[in-house]
Amino acid sequence: MIRGKCPLCGREFEGTDLGSLPHFPFCSERCRMIDLGRWVEGAYTIPGAPTSALPSDELDEETDE
C-alpha cells in the first residue's frame, strides 16, 4: 500500500502500487500540470549567487564547435 500527500494541494491519496497512481507524486492530472507550468515559467529556483550570462559572441563560438 502506498500512501501520500500531494505536494501541491495537500490532498491525501493511496494506492496498491505505483501503477494504480498514474499521477504520483501528485493526486491528479490537474496538480501535475500546475507543477509543470511552474517549472516552465521558472517559478522554482535554487538560491545562490547570481551567474553572469556569456556574451553573445562567446555563445556563437561554443555552438559552432
N, C-alpha and C. Protein backbone atom coordinates (compact mmCIF):
# COMPACT_ATOMS: atom_id res chain seq x y z
N MET A 1 0.84 -1.17 0.00
CA MET A 1 0.00 0.00 0.00
C MET A 1 0.90 1.25 0.00
N ILE A 2 0.59 2.16 -0.89
CA ILE A 2 1.33 3.42 -0.98
C ILE A 2 0.38 4.53 -0.55
N ARG A 3 0.80 5.31 0.42
CA ARG A 3 0.02 6.46 0.87
C ARG A 3 0.87 7.70 0.70
N GLY A 4 0.23 8.77 0.32
CA GLY A 4 0.98 10.00 0.15
C GLY A 4 0.10 11.22 0.28
N LYS A 5 0.75 12.35 0.21
CA LYS A 5 0.07 13.64 0.28
C LYS A 5 0.58 14.46 -0.89
N CYS A 6 -0.33 14.99 -1.68
CA CYS A 6 0.03 15.78 -2.87
C CYS A 6 0.88 16.98 -2.44
N PRO A 7 2.07 17.16 -3.06
CA PRO A 7 2.92 18.28 -2.68
C PRO A 7 2.36 19.64 -3.10
N LEU A 8 1.35 19.62 -3.95
CA LEU A 8 0.79 20.88 -4.44
C LEU A 8 -0.42 21.32 -3.62
N CYS A 9 -1.42 20.44 -3.49
CA CYS A 9 -2.65 20.84 -2.81
C CYS A 9 -2.80 20.24 -1.41
N GLY A 10 -1.98 19.23 -1.08
CA GLY A 10 -2.04 18.63 0.24
C GLY A 10 -3.06 17.51 0.39
N ARG A 11 -3.77 17.20 -0.69
CA ARG A 11 -4.77 16.13 -0.63
C ARG A 11 -4.09 14.78 -0.42
N GLU A 12 -4.65 13.95 0.46
CA GLU A 12 -4.09 12.64 0.72
C GLU A 12 -4.61 11.64 -0.31
N PHE A 13 -3.76 10.67 -0.67
CA PHE A 13 -4.16 9.63 -1.62
C PHE A 13 -3.50 8.33 -1.24
N GLU A 14 -4.03 7.24 -1.77
CA GLU A 14 -3.41 5.94 -1.54
C GLU A 14 -3.71 5.03 -2.72
N GLY A 15 -2.84 4.05 -2.88
CA GLY A 15 -2.99 3.07 -3.95
C GLY A 15 -2.24 1.81 -3.59
N THR A 16 -2.54 0.75 -4.32
CA THR A 16 -1.89 -0.52 -4.04
C THR A 16 -0.45 -0.56 -4.52
N ASP A 17 -0.17 0.14 -5.63
CA ASP A 17 1.18 0.20 -6.19
C ASP A 17 1.29 1.44 -7.07
N LEU A 18 2.47 1.71 -7.62
CA LEU A 18 2.65 2.90 -8.46
C LEU A 18 1.79 2.85 -9.71
N GLY A 19 1.50 1.65 -10.20
CA GLY A 19 0.64 1.51 -11.38
C GLY A 19 -0.77 2.03 -11.14
N SER A 20 -1.21 2.00 -9.90
CA SER A 20 -2.55 2.49 -9.57
C SER A 20 -2.56 3.99 -9.25
N LEU A 21 -1.39 4.61 -9.30
CA LEU A 21 -1.26 6.05 -9.03
C LEU A 21 -0.60 6.72 -10.24
N PRO A 22 -1.35 6.94 -11.32
CA PRO A 22 -0.74 7.44 -12.56
C PRO A 22 -0.14 8.84 -12.47
N HIS A 23 -0.52 9.62 -11.46
CA HIS A 23 -0.02 10.99 -11.35
C HIS A 23 0.96 11.17 -10.21
N PHE A 24 1.41 10.06 -9.62
CA PHE A 24 2.32 10.10 -8.47
C PHE A 24 3.53 10.99 -8.76
N PRO A 25 3.93 11.87 -7.90
CA PRO A 25 3.53 12.05 -6.50
C PRO A 25 2.37 13.01 -6.31
N PHE A 26 1.68 13.37 -7.37
CA PHE A 26 0.55 14.28 -7.29
C PHE A 26 -0.75 13.49 -7.20
N CYS A 27 -1.81 14.16 -6.75
CA CYS A 27 -3.09 13.48 -6.58
C CYS A 27 -3.88 13.42 -7.88
N SER A 28 -3.57 14.30 -8.83
CA SER A 28 -4.38 14.37 -10.05
C SER A 28 -3.56 14.95 -11.21
N GLU A 29 -4.12 14.83 -12.40
CA GLU A 29 -3.51 15.42 -13.59
C GLU A 29 -3.43 16.94 -13.45
N ARG A 30 -4.46 17.53 -12.85
CA ARG A 30 -4.50 18.98 -12.66
C ARG A 30 -3.30 19.46 -11.85
N CYS A 31 -3.05 18.82 -10.70
CA CYS A 31 -1.91 19.23 -9.86
C CYS A 31 -0.59 18.99 -10.58
N ARG A 32 -0.50 17.90 -11.32
CA ARG A 32 0.73 17.60 -12.06
C ARG A 32 1.01 18.68 -13.10
N MET A 33 -0.03 19.12 -13.82
CA MET A 33 0.15 20.14 -14.86
C MET A 33 0.43 21.52 -14.27
N ILE A 34 -0.16 21.84 -13.13
CA ILE A 34 0.16 23.11 -12.46
C ILE A 34 1.63 23.14 -12.08
N ASP A 35 2.13 22.03 -11.54
CA ASP A 35 3.55 21.96 -11.16
C ASP A 35 4.45 22.10 -12.38
N LEU A 36 4.10 21.43 -13.47
CA LEU A 36 4.88 21.53 -14.70
C LEU A 36 4.90 22.97 -15.20
N GLY A 37 3.77 23.64 -15.15
CA GLY A 37 3.70 25.04 -15.56
C GLY A 37 4.60 25.93 -14.73
N ARG A 38 4.68 25.65 -13.46
CA ARG A 38 5.57 26.43 -12.59
C ARG A 38 7.03 26.22 -12.96
N TRP A 39 7.41 24.99 -13.32
CA TRP A 39 8.78 24.73 -13.77
C TRP A 39 9.07 25.50 -15.06
N VAL A 40 8.13 25.43 -15.99
CA VAL A 40 8.33 26.09 -17.29
C VAL A 40 8.45 27.60 -17.13
N GLU A 41 7.66 28.17 -16.24
CA GLU A 41 7.69 29.62 -16.02
C GLU A 41 8.91 30.07 -15.21
N GLY A 42 9.65 29.13 -14.63
CA GLY A 42 10.82 29.47 -13.84
C GLY A 42 10.49 29.84 -12.41
N ALA A 43 9.34 29.39 -11.92
CA ALA A 43 8.94 29.72 -10.55
C ALA A 43 9.79 29.00 -9.51
N TYR A 44 10.36 27.86 -9.86
CA TYR A 44 11.20 27.12 -8.93
C TYR A 44 12.65 27.47 -9.20
N THR A 45 13.33 27.94 -8.17
CA THR A 45 14.74 28.30 -8.32
C THR A 45 15.53 27.76 -7.14
N ILE A 46 16.80 27.64 -7.33
CA ILE A 46 17.71 27.23 -6.27
C ILE A 46 18.48 28.47 -5.85
N PRO A 47 18.40 28.85 -4.58
CA PRO A 47 19.09 30.06 -4.13
C PRO A 47 20.61 29.93 -4.31
N GLY A 48 21.21 31.01 -4.67
CA GLY A 48 22.66 31.02 -4.82
C GLY A 48 23.11 32.33 -5.42
N ALA A 49 24.39 32.44 -5.60
CA ALA A 49 24.95 33.65 -6.19
C ALA A 49 24.51 33.75 -7.64
N PRO A 50 24.18 34.95 -8.09
CA PRO A 50 23.78 35.11 -9.49
C PRO A 50 24.93 34.77 -10.44
N THR A 51 24.59 34.23 -11.57
CA THR A 51 25.60 33.92 -12.57
C THR A 51 25.50 34.92 -13.70
N SER A 52 26.61 35.19 -14.33
CA SER A 52 26.58 36.12 -15.46
C SER A 52 26.42 35.32 -16.74
N ALA A 53 25.65 35.86 -17.64
CA ALA A 53 25.44 35.21 -18.93
C ALA A 53 26.66 35.44 -19.82
N LEU A 54 26.94 34.49 -20.68
CA LEU A 54 28.03 34.65 -21.63
C LEU A 54 27.67 35.70 -22.67
N PRO A 55 28.60 36.52 -23.09
CA PRO A 55 28.31 37.45 -24.19
C PRO A 55 27.90 36.67 -25.43
N SER A 56 27.08 37.26 -26.26
CA SER A 56 26.52 36.54 -27.41
C SER A 56 27.59 36.00 -28.35
N ASP A 57 28.74 36.69 -28.51
CA ASP A 57 29.78 36.19 -29.40
C ASP A 57 30.42 34.92 -28.84
N GLU A 58 30.50 34.78 -27.51
CA GLU A 58 31.03 33.56 -26.92
C GLU A 58 30.05 32.41 -27.09
N LEU A 59 28.76 32.71 -27.03
CA LEU A 59 27.75 31.67 -27.24
C LEU A 59 27.85 31.12 -28.66
N ASP A 60 28.04 32.01 -29.64
CA ASP A 60 28.16 31.58 -31.03
C ASP A 60 29.37 30.67 -31.23
N GLU A 61 30.48 30.99 -30.58
CA GLU A 61 31.69 30.18 -30.70
C GLU A 61 31.47 28.79 -30.14
N GLU A 62 30.74 28.67 -29.02
CA GLU A 62 30.51 27.38 -28.41
C GLU A 62 29.61 26.51 -29.27
N THR A 63 28.62 27.08 -29.94
CA THR A 63 27.70 26.28 -30.74
C THR A 63 28.31 25.90 -32.09
N ASP A 64 29.33 26.61 -32.54
CA ASP A 64 29.96 26.30 -33.84
C ASP A 64 30.86 25.08 -33.76
N GLU A 65 31.29 24.69 -32.59
CA GLU A 65 32.25 23.60 -32.44
C GLU A 65 31.67 22.27 -32.80
